[in-house]
Each structure stands twice: as C-alpha cells, then as structure tokens.
C-alpha cells in the first residue's frame, strides 16, 4: 500500500514536470477556460497544448466538460494551487539561501 502511494505521488509530480503544464494550471487559477482561451493566453502550439491538457486530464489534475463545440477545462481540486504556491515559496527560499551564500563568499574573498 505504501509503495502504491509513493508511485501515485511520483506520477503526480511527473505530470507537473512540464513548463507548459504548469502554465496551464496557473492560467486556470483564474477560473475554467476553453481550449481556445488557453491557447490565446499561452500562445502554445495547438497540438502541444492539446497533448499537455490530455496528460493533466489523465492524471485527474484537470477536468474537461464539453459544452456545445467547446471543451472547458478546470482544475479538479483547487488544492493544486496551494501546492504550486508552496513550491514557489520553497524555490524563493532556496534562491535567498544561495544568494546569501554567494554574498558571504564574496565578502570572505575581499
């Protein structure tokens, strides 16, 4: 059971390991969007956008609802935004630490 959960987490993070997929999720923070709205905002190759949407949908990160000729995408769980916000803060902290180390090493060399 524990190994299945670890595999689930690994697959989840693999699904996020693509810049376009992250940009899609960031856009959906504003609310559900059609493929054409996402394409307009992201200026991505339509085929690539469709492929990345399919990956996110297959991992249950996105929901897709057909309305007429449009498919409207939304995040399956708004907690994804909190996860990405936490990761952003983690990277900011990491960069601050690196900056501090660089500044310390420069003052040591002087």
PDB file of N, CA and C in Angstrom:
ATOM      1  N   UNK A   1       0.842  -1.201   0.000  1.00  0.00           N
ATOM      2  CA  UNK A   1       0.000   0.000   0.000  1.00  0.00           C
ATOM      3  C   UNK A   1       0.876   1.250   0.000  1.00  0.00           C
ATOM      4  N   UNK A   2       1.909   1.265   0.858  1.00  0.00           N
ATOM      5  CA  UNK A   2       2.789   2.425   0.935  1.00  0.00           C
ATOM      6  C   UNK A   2       3.480   2.670  -0.410  1.00  0.00           C
ATOM      7  N   UNK A   3       3.939   1.601  -1.072  1.00  0.00           N
ATOM      8  CA  UNK A   3       4.622   1.765  -2.359  1.00  0.00           C
ATOM      9  C   UNK A   3       3.657   2.269  -3.426  1.00  0.00           C
ATOM     10  N   UNK A   4       2.394   1.887  -3.353  1.00  0.00           N
ATOM     11  CA  UNK A   4       1.394   2.393  -4.304  1.00  0.00           C
ATOM     12  C   UNK A   4       1.188   3.892  -4.123  1.00  0.00           C
ATOM     13  N   UNK A   5       1.176   4.336  -2.883  1.00  0.00           N
ATOM     14  CA  UNK A   5       1.009   5.756  -2.610  1.00  0.00           C
ATOM     15  C   UNK A   5       2.224   6.540  -3.094  1.00  0.00           C
ATOM     16  N   UNK A   6       3.415   5.986  -2.868  1.00  0.00           N
ATOM     17  CA  UNK A   6       4.631   6.641  -3.359  1.00  0.00           C
ATOM     18  C   UNK A   6       4.615   6.739  -4.879  1.00  0.00           C
ATOM     19  N   UNK A   7       4.143   5.682  -5.549  1.00  0.00           N
ATOM     20  CA  UNK A   7       4.059   5.701  -7.007  1.00  0.00           C
ATOM     21  C   UNK A   7       3.044   6.741  -7.466  1.00  0.00           C
ATOM     22  N   UNK A   8       1.922   6.828  -6.765  1.00  0.00           N
ATOM     23  CA  UNK A   8       0.908   7.841  -7.081  1.00  0.00           C
ATOM     24  C   UNK A   8       1.513   9.242  -6.989  1.00  0.00           C
ATOM     25  N   UNK A   9       2.255   9.505  -5.913  1.00  0.00           N
ATOM     26  CA  UNK A   9       2.881  10.825  -5.743  1.00  0.00           C
ATOM     27  C   UNK A   9       3.909  11.082  -6.843  1.00  0.00           C
ATOM     28  N   UNK A  10       4.700  10.089  -7.163  1.00  0.00           N
ATOM     29  CA  UNK A  10       5.703  10.254  -8.219  1.00  0.00           C
ATOM     30  C   UNK A  10       5.029  10.559  -9.557  1.00  0.00           C
ATOM     31  N   UNK A  11       3.956   9.850  -9.879  1.00  0.00           N
ATOM     32  CA  UNK A  11       3.231  10.094 -11.127  1.00  0.00           C
ATOM     33  C   UNK A  11       2.607  11.489 -11.143  1.00  0.00           C
ATOM     34  N   UNK A  12       2.107  11.915 -10.001  1.00  0.00           N
ATOM     35  CA  UNK A  12       1.519  13.250  -9.885  1.00  0.00           C
ATOM     36  C   UNK A  12       2.572  14.315 -10.196  1.00  0.00           C
ATOM     37  N   UNK A  13       3.749  14.188  -9.585  1.00  0.00           N
ATOM     38  CA  UNK A  13       4.794  15.182  -9.816  1.00  0.00           C
ATOM     39  C   UNK A  13       5.362  15.098 -11.232  1.00  0.00           C
ATOM     40  N   UNK A  14       5.384  13.906 -11.805  1.00  0.00           N
ATOM     41  CA  UNK A  14       5.802  13.778 -13.212  1.00  0.00           C
ATOM     42  C   UNK A  14       4.848  14.555 -14.115  1.00  0.00           C
ATOM     43  N   UNK A  15       3.558  14.495 -13.793  1.00  0.00           N
ATOM     44  CA  UNK A  15       2.568  15.215 -14.602  1.00  0.00           C
ATOM     45  C   UNK A  15       2.788  16.720 -14.525  1.00  0.00           C
ATOM     46  N   UNK A  16       3.353  17.192 -13.434  1.00  0.00           N
ATOM     47  CA  UNK A  16       3.621  18.623 -13.281  1.00  0.00           C
ATOM     48  C   UNK A  16       4.977  19.026 -13.853  1.00  0.00           C
ATOM     49  N   UNK A  17       5.782  18.050 -14.236  1.00  0.00           N
ATOM     50  CA  UNK A  17       7.164  18.307 -14.650  1.00  0.00           C
ATOM     51  C   UNK A  17       7.263  18.746 -16.110  1.00  0.00           C
ATOM     52  N   UNK A  18       6.472  19.740 -16.464  1.00  0.00           N
ATOM     53  CA  UNK A  18       6.496  20.275 -17.816  1.00  0.00           C
ATOM     54  C   UNK A  18       6.103  21.744 -17.725  1.00  0.00           C
ATOM     55  N   UNK A  19       6.903  22.639 -18.275  1.00  0.00           N
ATOM     56  CA  UNK A  19       6.593  24.071 -18.149  1.00  0.00           C
ATOM     57  C   UNK A  19       5.217  24.460 -18.694  1.00  0.00           C
ATOM     58  N   UNK A  20       4.817  23.876 -19.825  1.00  0.00           N
ATOM     59  CA  UNK A  20       3.506  24.232 -20.381  1.00  0.00           C
ATOM     60  C   UNK A  20       2.385  23.739 -19.470  1.00  0.00           C
ATOM     61  N   UNK A  21       2.537  22.562 -18.903  1.00  0.00           N
ATOM     62  CA  UNK A  21       1.500  22.057 -17.989  1.00  0.00           C
ATOM     63  C   UNK A  21       1.370  22.968 -16.775  1.00  0.00           C
ATOM     64  N   UNK A  22       2.490  23.435 -16.255  1.00  0.00           N
ATOM     65  CA  UNK A  22       2.437  24.364 -15.124  1.00  0.00           C
ATOM     66  C   UNK A  22       1.775  25.675 -15.523  1.00  0.00           C
ATOM     67  N   UNK A  23       2.077  26.158 -16.715  1.00  0.00           N
ATOM     68  CA  UNK A  23       1.462  27.398 -17.189  1.00  0.00           C
ATOM     69  C   UNK A  23      -0.054  27.229 -17.363  1.00  0.00           C
ATOM     70  N   UNK A  24      -0.470  26.056 -17.829  1.00  0.00           N
ATOM     71  CA  UNK A  24      -1.909  25.774 -17.972  1.00  0.00           C
ATOM     72  C   UNK A  24      -2.586  25.877 -16.615  1.00  0.00           C
ATOM     73  N   UNK A  25      -2.017  25.212 -15.622  1.00  0.00           N
ATOM     74  CA  UNK A  25      -2.612  25.233 -14.278  1.00  0.00           C
ATOM     75  C   UNK A  25      -2.639  26.649 -13.731  1.00  0.00           C
ATOM     76  N   UNK A  26      -1.568  27.397 -13.937  1.00  0.00           N
ATOM     77  CA  UNK A  26      -1.534  28.786 -13.456  1.00  0.00           C
ATOM     78  C   UNK A  26      -2.636  29.616 -14.105  1.00  0.00           C
ATOM     79  N   UNK A  27      -2.891  29.404 -15.388  1.00  0.00           N
ATOM     80  CA  UNK A  27      -3.967  30.137 -16.065  1.00  0.00           C
ATOM     81  C   UNK A  27      -5.331  29.760 -15.494  1.00  0.00           C
ATOM     82  N   UNK A  28      -5.504  28.486 -15.177  1.00  0.00           N
ATOM     83  CA  UNK A  28      -6.800  28.018 -14.669  1.00  0.00           C
ATOM     84  C   UNK A  28      -7.072  28.480 -13.243  1.00  0.00           C
ATOM     85  N   UNK A  29      -6.084  29.068 -12.621  1.00  0.00           N
ATOM     86  CA  UNK A  29      -6.306  29.637 -11.286  1.00  0.00           C
ATOM     87  C   UNK A  29      -7.361  30.744 -11.364  1.00  0.00           C
ATOM     88  N   UNK A  30      -7.445  31.412 -12.511  1.00  0.00           N
ATOM     89  CA  UNK A  30      -8.433  32.471 -12.712  1.00  0.00           C
ATOM     90  C   UNK A  30      -9.836  31.918 -12.953  1.00  0.00           C
ATOM     91  N   UNK A  31      -9.932  30.625 -13.217  1.00  0.00           N
ATOM     92  CA  UNK A  31     -11.226  30.003 -13.457  1.00  0.00           C
ATOM     93  C   UNK A  31     -11.192  29.118 -14.683  1.00  0.00           C
ATOM     94  N   UNK A  32     -12.266  28.372 -14.920  1.00  0.00           N
ATOM     95  CA  UNK A  32     -12.336  27.471 -16.069  1.00  0.00           C
ATOM     96  C   UNK A  32     -12.147  28.224 -17.392  1.00  0.00           C
ATOM     97  N   UNK A  33     -11.535  27.542 -18.362  1.00  0.00           N
ATOM     98  CA  UNK A  33     -11.287  28.142 -19.673  1.00  0.00           C
ATOM     99  C   UNK A  33     -11.453  27.102 -20.765  1.00  0.00           C
ATOM    100  N   UNK A  34     -11.820  27.594 -21.935  1.00  0.00           N
ATOM    101  CA  UNK A  34     -11.877  26.735 -23.106  1.00  0.00           C
ATOM    102  C   UNK A  34     -10.464  26.548 -23.648  1.00  0.00           C
ATOM    103  N   UNK A  35     -10.322  25.594 -24.535  1.00  0.00           N
ATOM    104  CA  UNK A  35      -9.030  25.356 -25.167  1.00  0.00           C
ATOM    105  C   UNK A  35      -8.590  26.602 -25.926  1.00  0.00           C
ATOM    106  N   UNK A  36      -9.513  27.239 -26.632  1.00  0.00           N
ATOM    107  CA  UNK A  36      -9.139  28.434 -27.402  1.00  0.00           C
ATOM    108  C   UNK A  36      -8.728  29.578 -26.477  1.00  0.00           C
ATOM    109  N   UNK A  37      -9.359  29.722 -25.321  1.00  0.00           N
ATOM    110  CA  UNK A  37      -8.954  30.757 -24.367  1.00  0.00           C
ATOM    111  C   UNK A  37      -7.545  30.466 -23.830  1.00  0.00           C
ATOM    112  N   UNK A  38      -7.293  29.204 -23.501  1.00  0.00           N
ATOM    113  CA  UNK A  38      -5.957  28.828 -23.027  1.00  0.00           C
ATOM    114  C   UNK A  38      -4.915  29.067 -24.111  1.00  0.00           C
ATOM    115  N   UNK A  39      -5.258  28.700 -25.338  1.00  0.00           N
ATOM    116  CA  UNK A  39      -4.322  28.888 -26.443  1.00  0.00           C
ATOM    117  C   UNK A  39      -4.023  30.367 -26.663  1.00  0.00           C
ATOM    118  N   UNK A  40      -5.041  31.203 -26.546  1.00  0.00           N
ATOM    119  CA  UNK A  40      -4.852  32.650 -26.713  1.00  0.00           C
ATOM    120  C   UNK A  40      -3.916  33.201 -25.640  1.00  0.00           C
ATOM    121  N   UNK A  41      -4.086  32.763 -24.407  1.00  0.00           N
ATOM    122  CA  UNK A  41      -3.267  33.269 -23.299  1.00  0.00           C
ATOM    123  C   UNK A  41      -1.852  32.694 -23.308  1.00  0.00           C
ATOM    124  N   UNK A  42      -1.718  31.437 -23.699  1.00  0.00           N
ATOM    125  CA  UNK A  42      -0.429  30.767 -23.614  1.00  0.00           C
ATOM    126  C   UNK A  42       0.390  30.835 -24.904  1.00  0.00           C
ATOM    127  N   UNK A  43      -0.278  31.130 -26.011  1.00  0.00           N
ATOM    128  CA  UNK A  43       0.403  31.188 -27.311  1.00  0.00           C
ATOM    129  C   UNK A  43       1.210  29.918 -27.570  1.00  0.00           C
ATOM    130  N   UNK A  44       0.600  28.779 -27.286  1.00  0.00           N
ATOM    131  CA  UNK A  44       1.262  27.490 -27.472  1.00  0.00           C
ATOM    132  C   UNK A  44       0.836  26.880 -28.800  1.00  0.00           C
ATOM    133  N   UNK A  45       1.647  25.989 -29.290  1.00  0.00           N
ATOM    134  CA  UNK A  45       1.285  25.211 -30.477  1.00  0.00           C
ATOM    135  C   UNK A  45       0.027  24.409 -30.123  1.00  0.00           C
ATOM    136  N   UNK A  46      -1.062  24.541 -30.904  1.00  0.00           N
ATOM    137  CA  UNK A  46      -2.321  23.858 -30.544  1.00  0.00           C
ATOM    138  C   UNK A  46      -2.179  22.361 -30.283  1.00  0.00           C
ATOM    139  N   UNK A  47      -1.370  21.681 -31.078  1.00  0.00           N
ATOM    140  CA  UNK A  47      -1.183  20.241 -30.880  1.00  0.00           C
ATOM    141  C   UNK A  47      -0.514  19.968 -29.543  1.00  0.00           C
ATOM    142  N   UNK A  48       0.500  20.748 -29.219  1.00  0.00           N
ATOM    143  CA  UNK A  48       1.212  20.586 -27.950  1.00  0.00           C
ATOM    144  C   UNK A  48       0.278  20.894 -26.777  1.00  0.00           C
ATOM    145  N   UNK A  49      -0.500  21.955 -26.900  1.00  0.00           N
ATOM    146  CA  UNK A  49      -1.454  22.309 -25.840  1.00  0.00           C
ATOM    147  C   UNK A  49      -2.432  21.161 -25.607  1.00  0.00           C
ATOM    148  N   UNK A  50      -2.975  20.613 -26.677  1.00  0.00           N
ATOM    149  CA  UNK A  50      -3.917  19.500 -26.540  1.00  0.00           C
ATOM    150  C   UNK A  50      -3.269  18.295 -25.879  1.00  0.00           C
ATOM    151  N   UNK A  51      -2.024  18.001 -26.247  1.00  0.00           N
ATOM    152  CA  UNK A  51      -1.314  16.869 -25.640  1.00  0.00           C
ATOM    153  C   UNK A  51      -1.122  17.086 -24.141  1.00  0.00           C
ATOM    154  N   UNK A  52      -0.738  18.298 -23.757  1.00  0.00           N
ATOM    155  CA  UNK A  52      -0.479  18.578 -22.337  1.00  0.00           C
ATOM    156  C   UNK A  52      -1.784  18.587 -21.535  1.00  0.00           C
ATOM    157  N   UNK A  53      -2.855  19.090 -22.134  1.00  0.00           N
ATOM    158  CA  UNK A  53      -4.163  19.032 -21.467  1.00  0.00           C
ATOM    159  C   UNK A  53      -4.571  17.575 -21.240  1.00  0.00           C
ATOM    160  N   UNK A  54      -4.321  16.728 -22.236  1.00  0.00           N
ATOM    161  CA  UNK A  54      -4.672  15.305 -22.111  1.00  0.00           C
ATOM    162  C   UNK A  54      -3.883  14.638 -20.985  1.00  0.00           C
ATOM    163  N   UNK A  55      -2.601  14.987 -20.847  1.00  0.00           N
ATOM    164  CA  UNK A  55      -1.791  14.414 -19.760  1.00  0.00           C
ATOM    165  C   UNK A  55      -2.368  14.827 -18.409  1.00  0.00           C
ATOM    166  N   UNK A  56      -2.652  16.114 -18.252  1.00  0.00           N
ATOM    167  CA  UNK A  56      -3.189  16.605 -16.975  1.00  0.00           C
ATOM    168  C   UNK A  56      -4.556  15.995 -16.670  1.00  0.00           C
ATOM    169  N   UNK A  57      -5.356  15.806 -17.695  1.00  0.00           N
ATOM    170  CA  UNK A  57      -6.667  15.187 -17.502  1.00  0.00           C
ATOM    171  C   UNK A  57      -6.509  13.715 -17.128  1.00  0.00           C
ATOM    172  N   UNK A  58      -5.588  13.018 -17.772  1.00  0.00           N
ATOM    173  CA  UNK A  58      -5.397  11.584 -17.493  1.00  0.00           C
ATOM    174  C   UNK A  58      -4.910  11.345 -16.062  1.00  0.00           C
ATOM    175  N   UNK A  59      -4.249  12.333 -15.473  1.00  0.00           N
ATOM    176  CA  UNK A  59      -3.765  12.215 -14.091  1.00  0.00           C
ATOM    177  C   UNK A  59      -4.750  12.825 -13.094  1.00  0.00           C
ATOM    178  N   UNK A  60      -5.953  13.132 -13.577  1.00  0.00           N
ATOM    179  CA  UNK A  60      -7.028  13.686 -12.745  1.00  0.00           C
ATOM    180  C   UNK A  60      -6.654  15.021 -12.103  1.00  0.00           C
ATOM    181  N   UNK A  61      -5.783  15.764 -12.762  1.00  0.00           N
ATOM    182  CA  UNK A  61      -5.441  17.102 -12.289  1.00  0.00           C
ATOM    183  C   UNK A  61      -6.411  18.111 -12.872  1.00  0.00           C
ATOM    184  N   UNK A  62      -6.856  17.841 -14.100  1.00  0.00           N
ATOM    185  CA  UNK A  62      -7.843  18.702 -14.754  1.00  0.00           C
ATOM    186  C   UNK A  62      -9.124  17.939 -15.024  1.00  0.00           C
ATOM    187  N   UNK A  63     -10.204  18.699 -15.077  1.00  0.00           N
ATOM    188  CA  UNK A  63     -11.497  18.190 -15.518  1.00  0.00           C
ATOM    189  C   UNK A  63     -11.800  18.826 -16.863  1.00  0.00           C
ATOM    190  N   UNK A  64     -12.488  18.104 -17.718  1.00  0.00           N
ATOM    191  CA  UNK A  64     -12.892  18.630 -19.018  1.00  0.00           C
ATOM    192  C   UNK A  64     -14.392  18.432 -19.163  1.00  0.00           C
ATOM    193  N   UNK A  65     -15.074  19.510 -19.515  1.00  0.00           N
ATOM    194  CA  UNK A  65     -16.523  19.453 -19.690  1.00  0.00           C
ATOM    195  C   UNK A  65     -16.865  19.965 -21.081  1.00  0.00           C
ATOM    196  N   UNK A  66     -17.554  19.143 -21.847  1.00  0.00           N
ATOM    197  CA  UNK A  66     -17.942  19.534 -23.202  1.00  0.00           C
ATOM    198  C   UNK A  66     -19.230  20.347 -23.131  1.00  0.00           C
ATOM    199  N   UNK A  67     -19.178  21.559 -23.722  1.00  0.00           N
ATOM    200  CA  UNK A  67     -20.365  22.420 -23.822  1.00  0.00           C
ATOM    201  C   UNK A  67     -20.470  22.876 -25.263  1.00  0.00           C
ATOM    202  N   UNK A  68     -21.405  22.277 -25.978  1.00  0.00           N
ATOM    203  CA  UNK A  68     -21.527  22.578 -27.394  1.00  0.00           C
ATOM    204  C   UNK A  68     -20.281  22.126 -28.121  1.00  0.00           C
ATOM    205  N   UNK A  69     -19.657  23.054 -28.845  1.00  0.00           N
ATOM    206  CA  UNK A  69     -18.430  22.705 -29.576  1.00  0.00           C
ATOM    207  C   UNK A  69     -17.178  22.940 -28.742  1.00  0.00           C
ATOM    208  N   UNK A  70     -17.346  23.503 -27.560  1.00  0.00           N
ATOM    209  CA  UNK A  70     -16.200  23.834 -26.698  1.00  0.00           C
ATOM    210  C   UNK A  70     -15.971  22.790 -25.624  1.00  0.00           C
ATOM    211  N   UNK A  71     -14.701  22.631 -25.276  1.00  0.00           N
ATOM    212  CA  UNK A  71     -14.326  21.836 -24.108  1.00  0.00           C
ATOM    213  C   UNK A  71     -13.779  22.833 -23.094  1.00  0.00           C
ATOM    214  N   UNK A  72     -14.358  22.813 -21.904  1.00  0.00           N
ATOM    215  CA  UNK A  72     -13.956  23.745 -20.857  1.00  0.00           C
ATOM    216  C   UNK A  72     -13.152  22.972 -19.818  1.00  0.00           C
ATOM    217  N   UNK A  73     -11.947  23.487 -19.555  1.00  0.00           N
ATOM    218  CA  UNK A  73     -11.047  22.844 -18.599  1.00  0.00           C
ATOM    219  C   UNK A  73     -11.051  23.601 -17.281  1.00  0.00           C
ATOM    220  N   UNK A  74     -10.951  22.837 -16.211  1.00  0.00           N
ATOM    221  CA  UNK A  74     -10.829  23.410 -14.870  1.00  0.00           C
ATOM    222  C   UNK A  74      -9.974  22.457 -14.044  1.00  0.00           C
ATOM    223  N   UNK A  75      -9.475  22.951 -12.934  1.00  0.00           N
ATOM    224  CA  UNK A  75      -8.686  22.098 -12.040  1.00  0.00           C
ATOM    225  C   UNK A  75      -9.632  21.225 -11.230  1.00  0.00           C
ATOM    226  N   UNK A  76      -9.266  19.973 -11.115  1.00  0.00           N
ATOM    227  CA  UNK A  76     -10.108  19.019 -10.396  1.00  0.00           C
ATOM    228  C   UNK A  76     -10.181  19.334  -8.908  1.00  0.00           C
ATOM    229  N   UNK A  77      -9.085  19.877  -8.367  1.00  0.00           N
ATOM    230  CA  UNK A  77      -9.041  20.205  -6.946  1.00  0.00           C
ATOM    231  C   UNK A  77      -8.250  21.492  -6.778  1.00  0.00           C
ATOM    232  N   UNK A  78      -8.864  22.518  -6.196  1.00  0.00           N
ATOM    233  CA  UNK A  78      -8.159  23.797  -6.046  1.00  0.00           C
ATOM    234  C   UNK A  78      -6.921  23.715  -5.149  1.00  0.00           C
ATOM    235  N   UNK A  79      -6.731  22.622  -4.437  1.00  0.00           N
ATOM    236  CA  UNK A  79      -5.526  22.449  -3.621  1.00  0.00           C
ATOM    237  C   UNK A  79      -4.264  22.450  -4.477  1.00  0.00           C
ATOM    238  N   UNK A  80      -4.410  22.164  -5.780  1.00  0.00           N
ATOM    239  CA  UNK A  80      -3.245  22.197  -6.666  1.00  0.00           C
ATOM    240  C   UNK A  80      -2.603  23.578  -6.653  1.00  0.00           C
ATOM    241  N   UNK A  81      -3.421  24.611  -6.515  1.00  0.00           N
ATOM    242  CA  UNK A  81      -2.877  25.978  -6.476  1.00  0.00           C
ATOM    243  C   UNK A  81      -2.051  26.189  -5.208  1.00  0.00           C
ATOM    244  N   UNK A  82      -2.505  25.631  -4.101  1.00  0.00           N
ATOM    245  CA  UNK A  82      -1.748  25.721  -2.845  1.00  0.00           C
ATOM    246  C   UNK A  82      -0.428  24.962  -2.959  1.00  0.00           C
ATOM    247  N   UNK A  83      -0.455  23.816  -3.637  1.00  0.00           N
ATOM    248  CA  UNK A  83       0.780  23.046  -3.837  1.00  0.00           C
ATOM    249  C   UNK A  83       1.777  23.874  -4.641  1.00  0.00           C
ATOM    250  N   UNK A  84       1.311  24.467  -5.737  1.00  0.00           N
ATOM    251  CA  UNK A  84       2.212  25.259  -6.575  1.00  0.00           C
ATOM    252  C   UNK A  84       2.694  26.517  -5.849  1.00  0.00           C
ATOM    253  N   UNK A  85       1.838  27.117  -5.026  1.00  0.00           N
ATOM    254  CA  UNK A  85       2.268  28.272  -4.229  1.00  0.00           C
ATOM    255  C   UNK A  85       3.351  27.859  -3.227  1.00  0.00           C
ATOM    256  N   UNK A  86       3.183  26.689  -2.618  1.00  0.00           N
ATOM    257  CA  UNK A  86       4.191  26.189  -1.674  1.00  0.00           C
ATOM    258  C   UNK A  86       5.520  25.927  -2.373  1.00  0.00           C
ATOM    259  N   UNK A  87       5.451  25.354  -3.561  1.00  0.00           N
ATOM    260  CA  UNK A  87       6.677  25.089  -4.320  1.00  0.00           C
ATOM    261  C   UNK A  87       7.361  26.411  -4.693  1.00  0.00           C
ATOM    262  N   UNK A  88       6.574  27.422  -5.074  1.00  0.00           N
ATOM    263  CA  UNK A  88       7.146  28.735  -5.388  1.00  0.00           C
ATOM    264  C   UNK A  88       7.874  29.303  -4.177  1.00  0.00           C
ATOM    265  N   UNK A  89       7.257  29.223  -2.994  1.00  0.00           N
ATOM    266  CA  UNK A  89       7.906  29.716  -1.773  1.00  0.00           C
ATOM    267  C   UNK A  89       9.164  28.915  -1.459  1.00  0.00           C
ATOM    268  N   UNK A  90       9.124  27.625  -1.673  1.00  0.00           N
ATOM    269  CA  UNK A  90      10.294  26.778  -1.467  1.00  0.00           C
ATOM    270  C   UNK A  90      11.446  27.234  -2.367  1.00  0.00           C
ATOM    271  N   UNK A  91      11.169  27.484  -3.632  1.00  0.00           N
ATOM    272  CA  UNK A  91      12.203  27.949  -4.563  1.00  0.00           C
ATOM    273  C   UNK A  91      12.711  29.336  -4.183  1.00  0.00           C
ATOM    274  N   UNK A  92      11.811  30.221  -3.762  1.00  0.00           N
ATOM    275  CA  UNK A  92      12.233  31.558  -3.329  1.00  0.00           C
ATOM    276  C   UNK A  92      13.174  31.463  -2.126  1.00  0.00           C
ATOM    277  N   UNK A  93      12.836  30.603  -1.168  1.00  0.00           N
ATOM    278  CA  UNK A  93      13.705  30.401  -0.002  1.00  0.00           C
ATOM    279  C   UNK A  93      15.057  29.847  -0.433  1.00  0.00           C
ATOM    280  N   UNK A  94      15.028  28.904  -1.325  1.00  0.00           N
ATOM    281  CA  UNK A  94      16.263  28.296  -1.821  1.00  0.00           C
ATOM    282  C   UNK A  94      17.135  29.362  -2.509  1.00  0.00           C
ATOM    283  N   UNK A  95      16.520  30.192  -3.326  1.00  0.00           N
ATOM    284  CA  UNK A  95      17.283  31.248  -4.008  1.00  0.00           C
ATOM    285  C   UNK A  95      17.849  32.261  -3.018  1.00  0.00           C
ATOM    286  N   UNK A  96      17.073  32.596  -1.982  1.00  0.00           N
ATOM    287  CA  UNK A  96      17.582  33.516  -0.948  1.00  0.00           C
ATOM    288  C   UNK A  96      18.795  32.912  -0.248  1.00  0.00           C
ATOM    289  N   UNK A  97      18.729  31.621   0.048  1.00  0.00           N
ATOM    290  CA  UNK A  97      19.857  30.943   0.692  1.00  0.00           C
ATOM    291  C   UNK A  97      21.094  30.949  -0.200  1.00  0.00           C
ATOM    292  N   UNK A  98      20.895  30.676  -1.472  1.00  0.00           N
ATOM    293  CA  UNK A  98      22.025  30.690  -2.408  1.00  0.00           C
ATOM    294  C   UNK A  98      22.603  32.094  -2.512  1.00  0.00           C
ATOM    295  N   UNK A  99      21.729  33.083  -2.598  1.00  0.00           N
ATOM    296  CA  UNK A  99      22.185  34.477  -2.678  1.00  0.00           C
ATOM    297  C   UNK A  99      22.996  34.838  -1.426  1.00  0.00           C
ATOM    298  N   UNK A 100      22.508  34.429  -0.269  1.00  0.00           N
ATOM    299  CA  UNK A 100      23.229  34.693   0.979  1.00  0.00           C
ATOM    300  C   UNK A 100      24.590  34.030   0.999  1.00  0.00           C
ATOM    301  N   UNK A 101      24.656  32.793   0.523  1.00  0.00           N
ATOM    302  CA  UNK A 101      25.944  32.098   0.471  1.00  0.00           C
ATOM    303  C   UNK A 101      26.907  32.804  -0.485  1.00  0.00           C
ATOM    304  N   UNK A 102      26.406  33.241  -1.630  1.00  0.00           N
ATOM    305  CA  UNK A 102      27.259  33.947  -2.594  1.00  0.00           C
ATOM    306  C   UNK A 102      27.778  35.262  -2.016  1.00  0.00           C
ATOM    307  N   UNK A 103      26.882  35.995  -1.356  1.00  0.00           N
ATOM    308  CA  UNK A 103      27.292  37.265  -0.746  1.00  0.00           C
ATOM    309  C   UNK A 103      28.327  37.022   0.348  1.00  0.00           C
ATOM    310  N   UNK A 104      28.139  35.969   1.127  1.00  0.00           N
ATOM    311  CA  UNK A 104      29.101  35.636   2.186  1.00  0.00           C
ATOM    312  C   UNK A 104      30.450  35.258   1.603  1.00  0.00           C
ATOM    313  N   UNK A 105      30.428  34.496   0.538  1.00  0.00           N
ATOM    314  CA  UNK A 105      31.695  34.065  -0.058  1.00  0.00           C
ATOM    315  C   UNK A 105      32.422  35.233  -0.707  1.00  0.00           C
ATOM    316  N   UNK A 106      31.673  36.195  -1.248  1.00  0.00           N
ATOM    317  CA  UNK A 106      32.311  37.370  -1.849  1.00  0.00           C
ATOM    318  C   UNK A 106      32.951  38.249  -0.777  1.00  0.00           C
ATOM    319  N   UNK A 107      32.262  38.435   0.344  1.00  0.00           N
ATOM    320  CA  UNK A 107      32.841  39.259   1.403  1.00  0.00           C
ATOM    321  C   UNK A 107      34.047  38.556   2.051  1.00  0.00           C
ATOM    322  N   UNK A 108      34.025  37.236   2.042  1.00  0.00           N
ATOM    323  CA  UNK A 108      35.152  36.469   2.589  1.00  0.00           C
ATOM    324  C   UNK A 108      36.378  36.610   1.694  1.00  0.00           C
ATOM    325  N   UNK A 109      36.147  36.651   0.367  1.00  0.00           N
ATOM    326  CA  UNK A 109      37.247  36.765  -0.581  1.00  0.00           C
ATOM    327  C   UNK A 109      37.874  38.151  -0.588  1.00  0.00           C
ATOM    328  N   UNK A 110      37.138  39.161  -0.169  1.00  0.00           N
ATOM    329  CA  UNK A 110      37.652  40.531  -0.204  1.00  0.00           C
ATOM    330  C   UNK A 110      38.578  40.798   0.887  1.00  0.00           C
TER     331      UNK A 110
END
